[in-house]
Amino acid sequence: MTSSIHEQIIKDLNYIAQNNPELFTEEVRASLENLLSTLPDDLKDIEEISDAIVIWVEEHPQIHNTLMKLPISSSSERGAGGIPTRITPKEAKGLLDNIVRQSKSSSQSKTSSQL
């Protein structure tokens, strides 16, 4: 079982957030946080979240360009026996929430180290 394209988009965004936190400026973070707040809690399909992320990414050229440069499956997560793990809509929203929180703490530590 391989990750769907929808799951891969979410995983790739998470990969970029972890490896290129400087792309998640305060403005970008606020925009992602806004997107997250518009997603209903009872989503049944990962596709809805993925589609919203694709639209969001197109509005943020630096993140879009970085995504386009990623090799295919560069961030795929594998479970026991090397089997790719599947993510649920709830887990996808959790990943987006983590991106927002991590980029906030990264931004705050940069600010305090510059003082």
Protein backbone atom coordinates (compact mmCIF):
# COMPACT_ATOMS: atom_id res chain seq x y z
CA MET A 1 0.00 0.00 0.00
CA THR A 2 1.51 3.28 -1.05
CA SER A 3 0.65 6.75 0.12
CA SER A 4 -1.88 8.50 -2.04
CA ILE A 5 -0.96 11.75 -3.77
CA HIS A 6 -3.19 13.49 -1.22
CA GLU A 7 -1.27 12.04 1.71
CA GLN A 8 2.04 12.82 0.03
CA ILE A 9 1.14 16.51 -0.35
CA ILE A 10 0.49 16.75 3.38
CA LYS A 11 3.65 14.83 4.25
CA ASP A 12 5.73 16.97 1.87
CA LEU A 13 4.43 20.18 3.43
CA ASN A 14 5.37 18.81 6.84
CA TYR A 15 8.83 17.86 5.49
CA ILE A 16 9.36 21.39 4.22
CA ALA A 17 8.26 22.89 7.52
CA GLN A 18 10.80 20.74 9.37
CA ASN A 19 13.66 21.28 6.93
CA ASN A 20 13.01 24.86 5.77
CA PRO A 21 11.37 26.60 8.75
CA GLU A 22 12.52 29.99 7.45
CA LEU A 23 9.85 29.74 4.74
CA PHE A 24 7.13 29.85 7.39
CA THR A 25 7.19 33.54 8.17
CA GLU A 26 4.65 35.10 10.49
CA GLU A 27 2.44 35.95 7.52
CA VAL A 28 2.65 32.45 6.04
CA ARG A 29 2.03 30.87 9.42
CA ALA A 30 -1.03 33.07 10.01
CA SER A 31 -2.35 32.13 6.59
CA LEU A 32 -1.88 28.41 7.31
CA GLU A 33 -3.49 28.84 10.71
CA ASN A 34 -6.45 30.50 9.01
CA LEU A 35 -6.72 27.61 6.55
CA LEU A 36 -6.63 25.14 9.42
CA SER A 37 -9.45 26.96 11.21
CA THR A 38 -11.67 26.66 8.12
CA LEU A 39 -11.34 22.89 7.90
CA PRO A 40 -14.25 21.13 9.64
CA ASP A 41 -13.41 18.70 12.45
CA ASP A 42 -15.50 15.93 10.94
CA LEU A 43 -13.68 15.58 7.63
CA LYS A 44 -13.98 12.06 6.27
CA ASP A 45 -11.61 12.35 3.30
CA ILE A 46 -7.96 13.29 3.21
CA GLU A 47 -8.62 14.67 -0.28
CA GLU A 48 -10.51 17.67 1.11
CA ILE A 49 -7.53 18.68 3.22
CA SER A 50 -5.09 18.03 0.40
CA ASP A 51 -7.12 20.10 -2.07
CA ALA A 52 -7.22 23.01 0.40
CA ILE A 53 -3.45 22.74 0.90
CA VAL A 54 -2.79 22.75 -2.86
CA ILE A 55 -4.77 25.99 -3.22
CA TRP A 56 -2.98 27.46 -0.19
CA VAL A 57 0.46 26.47 -1.51
CA GLU A 58 -0.23 28.15 -4.85
CA GLU A 59 -0.67 31.42 -2.94
CA HIS A 60 2.80 31.05 -1.37
CA PRO A 61 5.40 30.88 -4.17
CA GLN A 62 8.43 30.10 -2.00
CA ILE A 63 6.73 27.09 -0.47
CA HIS A 64 5.32 26.05 -3.85
CA ASN A 65 8.76 26.24 -5.47
CA THR A 66 10.33 24.23 -2.65
CA LEU A 67 7.62 21.58 -2.95
CA MET A 68 8.22 21.32 -6.68
CA LYS A 69 11.93 20.69 -6.09
CA LEU A 70 11.36 17.75 -3.74
CA PRO A 71 12.18 14.36 -5.16
CA ILE A 72 9.19 12.03 -5.37
CA SER A 73 8.55 10.35 -2.02
CA SER A 74 11.40 12.22 -0.32
CA SER A 75 9.39 12.44 2.87
CA SER A 76 7.43 9.21 2.80
CA GLU A 77 7.12 7.70 6.23
CA ARG A 78 7.34 3.98 6.52
CA GLY A 79 5.97 1.69 9.16
CA ALA A 80 6.98 -1.83 10.19
CA GLY A 81 8.50 -3.83 7.36
CA GLY A 82 8.98 -0.73 5.22
CA ILE A 83 5.26 -0.40 4.51
CA PRO A 84 4.19 3.22 3.92
CA THR A 85 1.91 4.49 6.65
CA ARG A 86 -1.50 5.96 5.84
CA ILE A 87 -2.72 9.15 7.49
CA THR A 88 -6.25 9.97 8.49
CA PRO A 89 -7.91 13.38 8.11
CA LYS A 90 -7.53 13.89 11.87
CA GLU A 91 -3.81 13.12 11.67
CA ALA A 92 -3.46 15.46 8.68
CA LYS A 93 -5.04 18.31 10.64
CA GLY A 94 -2.70 17.46 13.51
CA LEU A 95 0.31 17.74 11.18
CA LEU A 96 -0.88 21.16 9.98
CA ASP A 97 -1.38 22.27 13.57
CA ASN A 98 2.15 21.09 14.41
CA ILE A 99 3.56 23.05 11.48
CA VAL A 100 1.90 26.21 12.80
CA ARG A 101 3.06 25.61 16.39
CA GLN A 102 6.61 24.64 15.44
CA SER A 103 7.03 27.62 13.15
CA LYS A 104 5.77 29.89 15.94
CA SER A 105 8.33 28.52 18.39
CA SER A 106 11.08 28.70 15.75
CA SER A 107 10.19 32.33 15.07
CA GLN A 108 10.08 33.17 18.77
CA SER A 109 13.50 31.62 19.44
CA LYS A 110 15.00 33.57 16.54
CA THR A 111 13.56 36.82 17.92
CA SER A 112 14.83 36.18 21.45
CA SER A 113 18.32 35.21 20.19
CA GLN A 114 18.52 38.48 18.25
CA LEU A 115 17.94 40.56 21.39
